[in-house]
PDB file of N, CA and C in Angstrom:
ATOM      1  N   MET A   1     -56.563 -15.064 -89.063  1.00  0.00           N
ATOM      2  CA  MET A   1     -55.948 -16.306 -88.672  1.00  0.00           C
ATOM      3  C   MET A   1     -56.231 -17.340 -89.750  1.00  0.00           C
ATOM      4  N   ASN A   2     -55.222 -18.019 -90.192  1.00  0.00           N
ATOM      5  CA  ASN A   2     -55.360 -19.031 -91.224  1.00  0.00           C
ATOM      6  C   ASN A   2     -55.620 -20.383 -90.566  1.00  0.00           C
ATOM      7  N   MET A   3     -56.842 -20.865 -90.695  1.00  0.00           N
ATOM      8  CA  MET A   3     -57.226 -22.129 -90.074  1.00  0.00           C
ATOM      9  C   MET A   3     -57.218 -23.235 -91.121  1.00  0.00           C
ATOM     10  N   SER A   4     -56.780 -24.400 -90.725  1.00  0.00           N
ATOM     11  CA  SER A   4     -56.827 -25.536 -91.636  1.00  0.00           C
ATOM     12  C   SER A   4     -58.275 -25.967 -91.790  1.00  0.00           C
ATOM     13  N   PRO A   5     -58.591 -26.679 -92.869  1.00  0.00           N
ATOM     14  CA  PRO A   5     -59.975 -27.116 -93.057  1.00  0.00           C
ATOM     15  C   PRO A   5     -60.409 -28.133 -92.009  1.00  0.00           C
ATOM     16  N   HIS A   6     -59.450 -28.710 -91.292  1.00  0.00           N
ATOM     17  CA  HIS A   6     -59.783 -29.717 -90.277  1.00  0.00           C
ATOM     18  C   HIS A   6     -59.726 -29.077 -88.900  1.00  0.00           C
ATOM     19  N   ASN A   7     -60.674 -28.192 -88.605  1.00  0.00           N
ATOM     20  CA  ASN A   7     -60.646 -27.515 -87.319  1.00  0.00           C
ATOM     21  C   ASN A   7     -61.602 -28.140 -86.313  1.00  0.00           C
ATOM     22  N   SER A   8     -62.080 -29.340 -86.600  1.00  0.00           N
ATOM     23  CA  SER A   8     -62.966 -30.027 -85.680  1.00  0.00           C
ATOM     24  C   SER A   8     -62.144 -30.691 -84.585  1.00  0.00           C
ATOM     25  N   ILE A   9     -62.505 -30.428 -83.357  1.00  0.00           N
ATOM     26  CA  ILE A   9     -61.818 -31.005 -82.211  1.00  0.00           C
ATOM     27  C   ILE A   9     -62.464 -32.331 -81.831  1.00  0.00           C
ATOM     28  N   HIS A  10     -63.787 -32.359 -81.797  1.00  0.00           N
ATOM     29  CA  HIS A  10     -64.512 -33.556 -81.380  1.00  0.00           C
ATOM     30  C   HIS A  10     -65.898 -33.514 -82.001  1.00  0.00           C
ATOM     31  N   GLU A  11     -66.199 -34.469 -82.829  1.00  0.00           N
ATOM     32  CA  GLU A  11     -67.491 -34.584 -83.491  1.00  0.00           C
ATOM     33  C   GLU A  11     -68.026 -33.223 -83.924  1.00  0.00           C
ATOM     34  N   ASN A  12     -69.029 -32.692 -83.232  1.00  0.00           N
ATOM     35  CA  ASN A  12     -69.648 -31.425 -83.632  1.00  0.00           C
ATOM     36  C   ASN A  12     -69.062 -30.222 -82.901  1.00  0.00           C
ATOM     37  N   CYS A  13     -67.835 -30.322 -82.429  1.00  0.00           N
ATOM     38  CA  CYS A  13     -67.235 -29.234 -81.660  1.00  0.00           C
ATOM     39  C   CYS A  13     -66.042 -28.659 -82.416  1.00  0.00           C
ATOM     40  N   SER A  14     -66.213 -27.474 -82.979  1.00  0.00           N
ATOM     41  CA  SER A  14     -65.134 -26.825 -83.715  1.00  0.00           C
ATOM     42  C   SER A  14     -64.157 -26.174 -82.743  1.00  0.00           C
ATOM     43  N   ALA A  15     -62.985 -25.852 -83.256  1.00  0.00           N
ATOM     44  CA  ALA A  15     -61.979 -25.174 -82.438  1.00  0.00           C
ATOM     45  C   ALA A  15     -62.507 -23.822 -81.958  1.00  0.00           C
ATOM     46  N   GLU A  16     -63.244 -23.114 -82.815  1.00  0.00           N
ATOM     47  CA  GLU A  16     -63.784 -21.815 -82.431  1.00  0.00           C
ATOM     48  C   GLU A  16     -64.799 -21.955 -81.301  1.00  0.00           C
ATOM     49  N   ARG A  17     -65.662 -22.933 -81.425  1.00  0.00           N
ATOM     50  CA  ARG A  17     -66.678 -23.146 -80.391  1.00  0.00           C
ATOM     51  C   ARG A  17     -66.025 -23.543 -79.075  1.00  0.00           C
ATOM     52  N   LEU A  18     -65.080 -24.465 -79.126  1.00  0.00           N
ATOM     53  CA  LEU A  18     -64.399 -24.907 -77.915  1.00  0.00           C
ATOM     54  C   LEU A  18     -63.673 -23.737 -77.257  1.00  0.00           C
ATOM     55  N   SER A  19     -63.020 -22.922 -78.059  1.00  0.00           N
ATOM     56  CA  SER A  19     -62.315 -21.753 -77.536  1.00  0.00           C
ATOM     57  C   SER A  19     -63.284 -20.790 -76.856  1.00  0.00           C
ATOM     58  N   ARG A  20     -64.430 -20.548 -77.463  1.00  0.00           N
ATOM     59  CA  ARG A  20     -65.445 -19.650 -76.899  1.00  0.00           C
ATOM     60  C   ARG A  20     -65.964 -20.198 -75.561  1.00  0.00           C
ATOM     61  N   GLU A  21     -66.229 -21.499 -75.510  1.00  0.00           N
ATOM     62  CA  GLU A  21     -66.742 -22.102 -74.278  1.00  0.00           C
ATOM     63  C   GLU A  21     -65.697 -22.078 -73.165  1.00  0.00           C
ATOM     64  N   LEU A  22     -64.463 -22.431 -73.505  1.00  0.00           N
ATOM     65  CA  LEU A  22     -63.406 -22.429 -72.492  1.00  0.00           C
ATOM     66  C   LEU A  22     -63.112 -21.018 -72.006  1.00  0.00           C
ATOM     67  N   ASN A  23     -63.171 -20.050 -72.905  1.00  0.00           N
ATOM     68  CA  ASN A  23     -62.966 -18.657 -72.509  1.00  0.00           C
ATOM     69  C   ASN A  23     -64.048 -18.212 -71.525  1.00  0.00           C
ATOM     70  N   ALA A  24     -65.275 -18.642 -71.760  1.00  0.00           N
ATOM     71  CA  ALA A  24     -66.366 -18.294 -70.846  1.00  0.00           C
ATOM     72  C   ALA A  24     -66.137 -18.898 -69.463  1.00  0.00           C
ATOM     73  N   LEU A  25     -65.482 -20.037 -69.413  1.00  0.00           N
ATOM     74  CA  LEU A  25     -65.217 -20.701 -68.136  1.00  0.00           C
ATOM     75  C   LEU A  25     -63.919 -20.237 -67.484  1.00  0.00           C
ATOM     76  N   ALA A  26     -63.197 -19.351 -68.145  1.00  0.00           N
ATOM     77  CA  ALA A  26     -61.876 -18.934 -67.665  1.00  0.00           C
ATOM     78  C   ALA A  26     -61.948 -17.838 -66.604  1.00  0.00           C
ATOM     79  N   HIS A  27     -63.008 -17.807 -65.855  1.00  0.00           N
ATOM     80  CA  HIS A  27     -63.147 -16.851 -64.753  1.00  0.00           C
ATOM     81  C   HIS A  27     -63.704 -17.618 -63.555  1.00  0.00           C
ATOM     82  N   PRO A  28     -63.083 -17.495 -62.392  1.00  0.00           N
ATOM     83  CA  PRO A  28     -63.527 -18.290 -61.240  1.00  0.00           C
ATOM     84  C   PRO A  28     -64.982 -18.061 -60.849  1.00  0.00           C
ATOM     85  N   VAL A  29     -65.474 -16.843 -60.980  1.00  0.00           N
ATOM     86  CA  VAL A  29     -66.870 -16.579 -60.620  1.00  0.00           C
ATOM     87  C   VAL A  29     -67.810 -17.292 -61.580  1.00  0.00           C
ATOM     88  N   ARG A  30     -67.485 -17.294 -62.867  1.00  0.00           N
ATOM     89  CA  ARG A  30     -68.354 -17.991 -63.833  1.00  0.00           C
ATOM     90  C   ARG A  30     -68.345 -19.493 -63.584  1.00  0.00           C
ATOM     91  N   LEU A  31     -67.201 -20.043 -63.221  1.00  0.00           N
ATOM     92  CA  LEU A  31     -67.155 -21.468 -62.869  1.00  0.00           C
ATOM     93  C   LEU A  31     -68.051 -21.752 -61.667  1.00  0.00           C
ATOM     94  N   GLN A  32     -67.990 -20.883 -60.672  1.00  0.00           N
ATOM     95  CA  GLN A  32     -68.815 -21.073 -59.476  1.00  0.00           C
ATOM     96  C   GLN A  32     -70.296 -20.912 -59.795  1.00  0.00           C
ATOM     97  N   ILE A  33     -70.634 -19.933 -60.619  1.00  0.00           N
ATOM     98  CA  ILE A  33     -72.034 -19.733 -61.006  1.00  0.00           C
ATOM     99  C   ILE A  33     -72.549 -20.950 -61.765  1.00  0.00           C
ATOM    100  N   LEU A  34     -71.775 -21.444 -62.724  1.00  0.00           N
ATOM    101  CA  LEU A  34     -72.204 -22.611 -63.495  1.00  0.00           C
ATOM    102  C   LEU A  34     -72.355 -23.833 -62.595  1.00  0.00           C
ATOM    103  N   SER A  35     -71.427 -24.016 -61.682  1.00  0.00           N
ATOM    104  CA  SER A  35     -71.514 -25.130 -60.740  1.00  0.00           C
ATOM    105  C   SER A  35     -72.775 -25.017 -59.883  1.00  0.00           C
ATOM    106  N   TYR A  36     -73.058 -23.825 -59.408  1.00  0.00           N
ATOM    107  CA  TYR A  36     -74.258 -23.595 -58.599  1.00  0.00           C
ATOM    108  C   TYR A  36     -75.525 -23.881 -59.404  1.00  0.00           C
ATOM    109  N   LEU A  37     -75.588 -23.344 -60.618  1.00  0.00           N
ATOM    110  CA  LEU A  37     -76.771 -23.564 -61.453  1.00  0.00           C
ATOM    111  C   LEU A  37     -76.965 -25.040 -61.769  1.00  0.00           C
ATOM    112  N   THR A  38     -75.877 -25.770 -61.900  1.00  0.00           N
ATOM    113  CA  THR A  38     -75.965 -27.209 -62.148  1.00  0.00           C
ATOM    114  C   THR A  38     -76.531 -27.927 -60.922  1.00  0.00           C
ATOM    115  N   ARG A  39     -76.075 -27.525 -59.743  1.00  0.00           N
ATOM    116  CA  ARG A  39     -76.555 -28.164 -58.504  1.00  0.00           C
ATOM    117  C   ARG A  39     -78.031 -27.891 -58.251  1.00  0.00           C
ATOM    118  N   VAL A  40     -78.482 -26.655 -58.501  1.00  0.00           N
ATOM    119  CA  VAL A  40     -79.875 -26.303 -58.205  1.00  0.00           C
ATOM    120  C   VAL A  40     -80.784 -26.466 -59.417  1.00  0.00           C
ATOM    121  N   ASN A  41     -80.204 -26.899 -60.532  1.00  0.00           N
ATOM    122  CA  ASN A  41     -80.933 -27.104 -61.782  1.00  0.00           C
ATOM    123  C   ASN A  41     -81.579 -25.822 -62.291  1.00  0.00           C
ATOM    124  N   GLY A  42     -80.887 -24.703 -62.077  1.00  0.00           N
ATOM    125  CA  GLY A  42     -81.334 -23.432 -62.623  1.00  0.00           C
ATOM    126  C   GLY A  42     -82.033 -22.550 -61.612  1.00  0.00           C
ATOM    127  N   CYS A  43     -81.958 -21.246 -61.852  1.00  0.00           N
ATOM    128  CA  CYS A  43     -82.638 -20.263 -61.012  1.00  0.00           C
ATOM    129  C   CYS A  43     -82.583 -18.907 -61.709  1.00  0.00           C
ATOM    130  N   CYS A  44     -83.134 -17.895 -61.067  1.00  0.00           N
ATOM    131  CA  CYS A  44     -83.119 -16.555 -61.649  1.00  0.00           C
ATOM    132  C   CYS A  44     -81.871 -15.798 -61.191  1.00  0.00           C
ATOM    133  N   CYS A  45     -81.600 -14.690 -61.839  1.00  0.00           N
ATOM    134  CA  CYS A  45     -80.422 -13.869 -61.554  1.00  0.00           C
ATOM    135  C   CYS A  45     -80.391 -13.440 -60.087  1.00  0.00           C
ATOM    136  N   LYS A  46     -81.541 -13.064 -59.551  1.00  0.00           N
ATOM    137  CA  LYS A  46     -81.614 -12.604 -58.155  1.00  0.00           C
ATOM    138  C   LYS A  46     -81.110 -13.677 -57.194  1.00  0.00           C
ATOM    139  N   ASP A  47     -81.446 -14.932 -57.448  1.00  0.00           N
ATOM    140  CA  ASP A  47     -80.984 -16.024 -56.591  1.00  0.00           C
ATOM    141  C   ASP A  47     -79.466 -16.155 -56.633  1.00  0.00           C
ATOM    142  N   VAL A  48     -78.883 -15.963 -57.816  1.00  0.00           N
ATOM    143  CA  VAL A  48     -77.423 -16.029 -57.952  1.00  0.00           C
ATOM    144  C   VAL A  48     -76.789 -14.862 -57.205  1.00  0.00           C
ATOM    145  N   VAL A  49     -77.389 -13.686 -57.315  1.00  0.00           N
ATOM    146  CA  VAL A  49     -76.885 -12.502 -56.606  1.00  0.00           C
ATOM    147  C   VAL A  49     -76.845 -12.779 -55.105  1.00  0.00           C
ATOM    148  N   CYS A  50     -77.914 -13.324 -54.567  1.00  0.00           N
ATOM    149  CA  CYS A  50     -77.975 -13.626 -53.130  1.00  0.00           C
ATOM    150  C   CYS A  50     -76.970 -14.701 -52.732  1.00  0.00           C
ATOM    151  N   GLN A  51     -76.819 -15.701 -53.569  1.00  0.00           N
ATOM    152  CA  GLN A  51     -75.911 -16.813 -53.269  1.00  0.00           C
ATOM    153  C   GLN A  51     -74.456 -16.357 -53.213  1.00  0.00           C
ATOM    154  N   PHE A  52     -74.058 -15.460 -54.101  1.00  0.00           N
ATOM    155  CA  PHE A  52     -72.649 -15.085 -54.215  1.00  0.00           C
ATOM    156  C   PHE A  52     -72.338 -13.692 -53.674  1.00  0.00           C
ATOM    157  N   ASP A  53     -73.336 -12.978 -53.189  1.00  0.00           N
ATOM    158  CA  ASP A  53     -73.133 -11.647 -52.632  1.00  0.00           C
ATOM    159  C   ASP A  53     -72.370 -10.746 -53.598  1.00  0.00           C
ATOM    160  N   LEU A  54     -72.842 -10.736 -54.832  1.00  0.00           N
ATOM    161  CA  LEU A  54     -72.259  -9.899 -55.881  1.00  0.00           C
ATOM    162  C   LEU A  54     -73.312  -8.901 -56.350  1.00  0.00           C
ATOM    163  N   ALA A  55     -72.860  -7.829 -56.959  1.00  0.00           N
ATOM    164  CA  ALA A  55     -73.789  -6.850 -57.528  1.00  0.00           C
ATOM    165  C   ALA A  55     -74.601  -7.505 -58.645  1.00  0.00           C
ATOM    166  N   GLN A  56     -75.839  -7.073 -58.780  1.00  0.00           N
ATOM    167  CA  GLN A  56     -76.711  -7.633 -59.810  1.00  0.00           C
ATOM    168  C   GLN A  56     -76.109  -7.437 -61.190  1.00  0.00           C
ATOM    169  N   SER A  57     -75.499  -6.285 -61.431  1.00  0.00           N
ATOM    170  CA  SER A  57     -74.904  -6.022 -62.748  1.00  0.00           C
ATOM    171  C   SER A  57     -73.738  -6.971 -63.030  1.00  0.00           C
ATOM    172  N   THR A  58     -72.978  -7.316 -62.002  1.00  0.00           N
ATOM    173  CA  THR A  58     -71.854  -8.250 -62.157  1.00  0.00           C
ATOM    174  C   THR A  58     -72.367  -9.638 -62.509  1.00  0.00           C
ATOM    175  N   VAL A  59     -73.368 -10.094 -61.783  1.00  0.00           N
ATOM    176  CA  VAL A  59     -73.950 -11.412 -62.054  1.00  0.00           C
ATOM    177  C   VAL A  59     -74.560 -11.433 -63.449  1.00  0.00           C
ATOM    178  N   SER A  60     -75.274 -10.383 -63.816  1.00  0.00           N
ATOM    179  CA  SER A  60     -75.881 -10.322 -65.152  1.00  0.00           C
ATOM    180  C   SER A  60     -74.833 -10.431 -66.246  1.00  0.00           C
ATOM    181  N   GLN A  61     -73.706  -9.761 -66.064  1.00  0.00           N
ATOM    182  CA  GLN A  61     -72.632  -9.821 -67.063  1.00  0.00           C
ATOM    183  C   GLN A  61     -72.064 -11.236 -67.170  1.00  0.00           C
ATOM    184  N   HIS A  62     -71.840 -11.885 -66.037  1.00  0.00           N
ATOM    185  CA  HIS A  62     -71.322 -13.255 -66.059  1.00  0.00           C
ATOM    186  C   HIS A  62     -72.332 -14.214 -66.705  1.00  0.00           C
ATOM    187  N   LEU A  63     -73.604 -14.055 -66.376  1.00  0.00           N
ATOM    188  CA  LEU A  63     -74.637 -14.901 -66.987  1.00  0.00           C
ATOM    189  C   LEU A  63     -74.693 -14.679 -68.493  1.00  0.00           C
ATOM    190  N   LYS A  64     -74.564 -13.432 -68.916  1.00  0.00           N
ATOM    191  CA  LYS A  64     -74.582 -13.108 -70.346  1.00  0.00           C
ATOM    192  C   LYS A  64     -73.442 -13.812 -71.076  1.00  0.00           C
ATOM    193  N   ILE A  65     -72.257 -13.803 -70.506  1.00  0.00           N
ATOM    194  CA  ILE A  65     -71.102 -14.445 -71.137  1.00  0.00           C
ATOM    195  C   ILE A  65     -71.318 -15.953 -71.238  1.00  0.00           C
ATOM    196  N   LEU A  66     -71.821 -16.572 -70.175  1.00  0.00           N
ATOM    197  CA  LEU A  66     -72.095 -18.015 -70.204  1.00  0.00           C
ATOM    198  C   LEU A  66     -73.203 -18.344 -71.200  1.00  0.00           C
ATOM    199  N   LEU A  67     -74.198 -17.474 -71.284  1.00  0.00           N
ATOM    200  CA  LEU A  67     -75.305 -17.660 -72.223  1.00  0.00           C
ATOM    201  C   LEU A  67     -74.824 -17.537 -73.660  1.00  0.00           C
ATOM    202  N   GLU A  68     -74.026 -16.513 -73.950  1.00  0.00           N
ATOM    203  CA  GLU A  68     -73.507 -16.309 -75.307  1.00  0.00           C
ATOM    204  C   GLU A  68     -72.586 -17.444 -75.738  1.00  0.00           C
ATOM    205  N   ALA A  69     -71.914 -18.069 -74.787  1.00  0.00           N
ATOM    206  CA  ALA A  69     -71.049 -19.207 -75.105  1.00  0.00           C
ATOM    207  C   ALA A  69     -71.861 -20.482 -75.316  1.00  0.00           C
ATOM    208  N   GLY A  70     -73.154 -20.431 -75.025  1.00  0.00           N
ATOM    209  CA  GLY A  70     -74.014 -21.594 -75.214  1.00  0.00           C
ATOM    210  C   GLY A  70     -74.012 -22.554 -74.044  1.00  0.00           C
ATOM    211  N   LEU A  71     -73.416 -22.158 -72.920  1.00  0.00           N
ATOM    212  CA  LEU A  71     -73.322 -23.047 -71.767  1.00  0.00           C
ATOM    213  C   LEU A  71     -74.531 -22.951 -70.849  1.00  0.00           C
ATOM    214  N   LEU A  72     -75.346 -21.915 -71.046  1.00  0.00           N
ATOM    215  CA  LEU A  72     -76.580 -21.746 -70.284  1.00  0.00           C
ATOM    216  C   LEU A  72     -77.752 -21.620 -71.238  1.00  0.00           C
ATOM    217  N   GLU A  73     -78.925 -21.918 -70.715  1.00  0.00           N
ATOM    218  CA  GLU A  73     -80.176 -21.670 -71.417  1.00  0.00           C
ATOM    219  C   GLU A  73     -80.973 -20.685 -70.575  1.00  0.00           C
ATOM    220  N   MET A  74     -81.779 -19.864 -71.222  1.00  0.00           N
ATOM    221  CA  MET A  74     -82.584 -18.878 -70.511  1.00  0.00           C
ATOM    222  C   MET A  74     -84.037 -19.011 -70.948  1.00  0.00           C
ATOM    223  N   LYS A  75     -84.926 -19.064 -69.955  1.00  0.00           N
ATOM    224  CA  LYS A  75     -86.358 -19.116 -70.229  1.00  0.00           C
ATOM    225  C   LYS A  75     -87.025 -17.962 -69.491  1.00  0.00           C
ATOM    226  N   PRO A  76     -87.679 -17.063 -70.231  1.00  0.00           N
ATOM    227  CA  PRO A  76     -88.399 -15.970 -69.568  1.00  0.00           C
ATOM    228  C   PRO A  76     -89.548 -16.526 -68.726  1.00  0.00           C
ATOM    229  N   GLN A  77     -89.682 -15.984 -67.520  1.00  0.00           N
ATOM    230  CA  GLN A  77     -90.789 -16.349 -66.632  1.00  0.00           C
ATOM    231  C   GLN A  77     -91.349 -15.064 -66.042  1.00  0.00           C
ATOM    232  N   GLY A  78     -92.310 -14.493 -66.728  1.00  0.00           N
ATOM    233  CA  GLY A  78     -92.854 -13.208 -66.297  1.00  0.00           C
ATOM    234  C   GLY A  78     -91.808 -12.121 -66.468  1.00  0.00           C
ATOM    235  N   GLN A  79     -91.533 -11.389 -65.387  1.00  0.00           N
ATOM    236  CA  GLN A  79     -90.536 -10.321 -65.442  1.00  0.00           C
ATOM    237  C   GLN A  79     -89.127 -10.839 -65.175  1.00  0.00           C
ATOM    238  N   ARG A  80     -88.999 -12.091 -64.858  1.00  0.00           N
ATOM    239  CA  ARG A  80     -87.694 -12.684 -64.569  1.00  0.00           C
ATOM    240  C   ARG A  80     -87.325 -13.682 -65.652  1.00  0.00           C
ATOM    241  N   SER A  81     -86.072 -14.075 -65.625  1.00  0.00           N
ATOM    242  CA  SER A  81     -85.591 -15.116 -66.533  1.00  0.00           C
ATOM    243  C   SER A  81     -84.973 -16.231 -65.712  1.00  0.00           C
ATOM    244  N   GLN A  82     -85.260 -17.455 -66.102  1.00  0.00           N
ATOM    245  CA  GLN A  82     -84.716 -18.637 -65.439  1.00  0.00           C
ATOM    246  C   GLN A  82     -83.489 -19.089 -66.215  1.00  0.00           C
ATOM    247  N   TYR A  83     -82.353 -19.163 -65.550  1.00  0.00           N
ATOM    248  CA  TYR A  83     -81.110 -19.626 -66.166  1.00  0.00           C
ATOM    249  C   TYR A  83     -80.843 -21.048 -65.711  1.00  0.00           C
ATOM    250  N   SER A  84     -80.515 -21.907 -66.658  1.00  0.00           N
ATOM    251  CA  SER A  84     -80.186 -23.291 -66.325  1.00  0.00           C
ATOM    252  C   SER A  84     -79.044 -23.759 -67.222  1.00  0.00           C
ATOM    253  N   PRO A  85     -78.307 -24.770 -66.761  1.00  0.00           N
ATOM    254  CA  PRO A  85     -77.189 -25.262 -67.563  1.00  0.00           C
ATOM    255  C   PRO A  85     -77.676 -25.917 -68.846  1.00  0.00           C
ATOM    256  N   ASN A  86     -76.939 -25.705 -69.920  1.00  0.00           N
ATOM    257  CA  ASN A  86     -77.204 -26.383 -71.185  1.00  0.00           C
ATOM    258  C   ASN A  86     -76.432 -27.697 -71.120  1.00  0.00           C
ATOM    259  N   ARG A  87     -77.091 -28.722 -70.647  1.00  0.00           N
ATOM    260  CA  ARG A  87     -76.412 -29.997 -70.371  1.00  0.00           C
ATOM    261  C   ARG A  87     -75.824 -30.630 -71.628  1.00  0.00           C
ATOM    262  N   GLU A  88     -76.479 -30.467 -72.752  1.00  0.00           N
ATOM    263  CA  GLU A  88     -75.952 -31.017 -74.005  1.00  0.00           C
ATOM    264  C   GLU A  88     -74.626 -30.338 -74.368  1.00  0.00           C
ATOM    265  N   ALA A  89     -74.587 -29.019 -74.248  1.00  0.00           N
ATOM    266  CA  ALA A  89     -73.352 -28.278 -74.550  1.00  0.00           C
ATOM    267  C   ALA A  89     -72.249 -28.632 -73.564  1.00  0.00           C
ATOM    268  N   LEU A  90     -72.598 -28.783 -72.294  1.00  0.00           N
ATOM    269  CA  LEU A  90     -71.594 -29.132 -71.284  1.00  0.00           C
ATOM    270  C   LEU A  90     -71.044 -30.534 -71.512  1.00  0.00           C
ATOM    271  N   GLN A  91     -71.904 -31.466 -71.928  1.00  0.00           N
ATOM    272  CA  GLN A  91     -71.441 -32.824 -72.224  1.00  0.00           C
ATOM    273  C   GLN A  91     -70.509 -32.823 -73.429  1.00  0.00           C
ATOM    274  N   SER A  92     -70.859 -32.061 -74.447  1.00  0.00           N
ATOM    275  CA  SER A  92     -70.014 -31.950 -75.634  1.00  0.00           C
ATOM    276  C   SER A  92     -68.664 -31.335 -75.278  1.00  0.00           C
ATOM    277  N   LEU A  93     -68.684 -30.304 -74.442  1.00  0.00           N
ATOM    278  CA  LEU A  93     -67.446 -29.661 -73.995  1.00  0.00           C
ATOM    279  C   LEU A  93     -66.584 -30.641 -73.209  1.00  0.00           C
ATOM    280  N   ALA A  94     -67.193 -31.382 -72.301  1.00  0.00           N
ATOM    281  CA  ALA A  94     -66.445 -32.363 -71.506  1.00  0.00           C
ATOM    282  C   ALA A  94     -65.819 -33.427 -72.402  1.00  0.00           C
ATOM    283  N   SER A  95     -66.552 -33.878 -73.397  1.00  0.00           N
ATOM    284  CA  SER A  95     -66.020 -34.886 -74.325  1.00  0.00           C
ATOM    285  C   SER A  95     -64.853 -34.334 -75.129  1.00  0.00           C
ATOM    286  N   ALA A  96     -64.977 -33.089 -75.583  1.00  0.00           N
ATOM    287  CA  ALA A  96     -63.901 -32.473 -76.369  1.00  0.00           C
ATOM    288  C   ALA A  96     -62.646 -32.286 -75.534  1.00  0.00           C
ATOM    289  N   VAL A  97     -62.806 -31.830 -74.299  1.00  0.00           N
ATOM    290  CA  VAL A  97     -61.648 -31.642 -73.417  1.00  0.00           C
ATOM    291  C   VAL A  97     -61.012 -32.991 -73.096  1.00  0.00           C
ATOM    292  N   ASN A  98     -61.825 -34.000 -72.861  1.00  0.00           N
ATOM    293  CA  ASN A  98     -61.299 -35.338 -72.587  1.00  0.00           C
ATOM    294  C   ASN A  98     -60.506 -35.861 -73.778  1.00  0.00           C
ATOM    295  N   ARG A  99     -61.024 -35.609 -74.972  1.00  0.00           N
ATOM    296  CA  ARG A  99     -60.306 -36.052 -76.171  1.00  0.00           C
ATOM    297  C   ARG A  99     -58.976 -35.310 -76.310  1.00  0.00           C
ATOM    298  N   LEU A 100     -58.976 -34.017 -76.027  1.00  0.00           N
ATOM    299  CA  LEU A 100     -57.736 -33.237 -76.075  1.00  0.00           C
ATOM    300  C   LEU A 100     -56.720 -33.742 -75.055  1.00  0.00           C
ATOM    301  N   ALA A 101     -57.221 -34.228 -73.938  1.00  0.00           N
ATOM    302  CA  ALA A 101     -56.344 -34.741 -72.884  1.00  0.00           C
ATOM    303  C   ALA A 101     -55.879 -36.160 -73.191  1.00  0.00           C
ATOM    304  N   GLY A 102     -56.190 -36.647 -74.357  1.00  0.00           N
ATOM    305  CA  GLY A 102     -55.751 -37.982 -74.747  1.00  0.00           C
ATOM    306  C   GLY A 102     -56.654 -39.084 -74.253  1.00  0.00           C
ATOM    307  N   GLY A 103     -57.866 -38.725 -73.859  1.00  0.00           N
ATOM    308  CA  GLY A 103     -58.823 -39.726 -73.426  1.00  0.00           C
ATOM    309  C   GLY A 103     -58.664 -40.154 -71.987  1.00  0.00           C
ATOM    310  N   PHE A 104     -57.753 -39.519 -71.265  1.00  0.00           N
ATOM    311  CA  PHE A 104     -57.571 -39.884 -69.864  1.00  0.00           C
ATOM    312  C   PHE A 104     -58.731 -39.361 -69.040  1.00  0.00           C
ATOM    313  N   ALA A 105     -59.201 -40.193 -68.126  1.00  0.00           N
ATOM    314  CA  ALA A 105     -60.230 -39.723 -67.201  1.00  0.00           C
ATOM    315  C   ALA A 105     -59.580 -38.701 -66.283  1.00  0.00           C
ATOM    316  N   MET A 106     -60.235 -37.591 -66.129  1.00  0.00           N
ATOM    317  CA  MET A 106     -59.658 -36.527 -65.319  1.00  0.00           C
ATOM    318  C   MET A 106     -60.086 -36.690 -63.868  1.00  0.00           C
ATOM    319  N   ALA A 107     -59.128 -36.618 -62.960  1.00  0.00           N
ATOM    320  CA  ALA A 107     -59.416 -36.721 -61.533  1.00  0.00           C
ATOM    321  C   ALA A 107     -60.084 -35.437 -61.059  1.00  0.00           C
ATOM    322  N   PRO A 108     -60.942 -35.539 -60.052  1.00  0.00           N
ATOM    323  CA  PRO A 108     -61.566 -34.329 -59.511  1.00  0.00           C
ATOM    324  C   PRO A 108     -60.509 -33.384 -58.956  1.00  0.00           C
ATOM    325  N   LEU A 109     -60.810 -32.101 -59.023  1.00  0.00           N
ATOM    326  CA  LEU A 109     -59.899 -31.101 -58.481  1.00  0.00           C
ATOM    327  C   LEU A 109     -59.836 -31.224 -56.968  1.00  0.00           C
ATOM    328  N   GLN A 110     -58.653 -31.177 -56.439  1.00  0.00           N
ATOM    329  CA  GLN A 110     -58.452 -31.202 -54.994  1.00  0.00           C
ATOM    330  C   GLN A 110     -58.038 -29.803 -54.562  1.00  0.00           C
ATOM    331  N   ASP A 111     -58.973 -28.893 -54.558  1.00  0.00           N
ATOM    332  CA  ASP A 111     -58.698 -27.502 -54.245  1.00  0.00           C
ATOM    333  C   ASP A 111     -59.325 -27.166 -52.902  1.00  0.00           C
ATOM    334  N   GLU A 112     -58.775 -26.177 -52.256  1.00  0.00           N
ATOM    335  CA  GLU A 112     -59.322 -25.756 -50.974  1.00  0.00           C
ATOM    336  C   GLU A 112     -60.701 -25.149 -51.144  1.00  0.00           C
ATOM    337  N   GLN A 113     -60.911 -24.450 -52.244  1.00  0.00           N
ATOM    338  CA  GLN A 113     -62.202 -23.834 -52.496  1.00  0.00           C
ATOM    339  C   GLN A 113     -63.096 -24.804 -53.236  1.00  0.00           C
ATOM    340  N   LYS A 114     -64.264 -25.022 -52.710  1.00  0.00           N
ATOM    341  CA  LYS A 114     -65.225 -25.877 -53.384  1.00  0.00           C
ATOM    342  C   LYS A 114     -65.932 -25.061 -54.446  1.00  0.00           C
ATOM    343  N   ILE A 115     -65.981 -25.594 -55.647  1.00  0.00           N
ATOM    344  CA  ILE A 115     -66.663 -24.898 -56.745  1.00  0.00           C
ATOM    345  C   ILE A 115     -68.108 -25.306 -56.749  1.00  0.00           C
TER     346      ILE A 115
END
């Protein structure tokens, strides 16, 4: 792909980084997991499994994708790992999306399912 030298979307957010982050969020379960982790300020994989009634391997895969996109942070705690939102990355992502939207404040989603 031939990219122009001006591939910055917003300050320190490149088009590649923004694409990677948005792709990680392009699954409803990952959106719900990230929303949950934000509300509880982080937890271990087992807690997410119990919260969403999903297989441990499924939750682990979703956490891995969010982690690789830089949207989560992981801290080992004994035999478990604590996953928490990377608030700096999420703020940068929100700013970049807002800039792409022309600076308009985005209204909250009015969906039947609460994320």
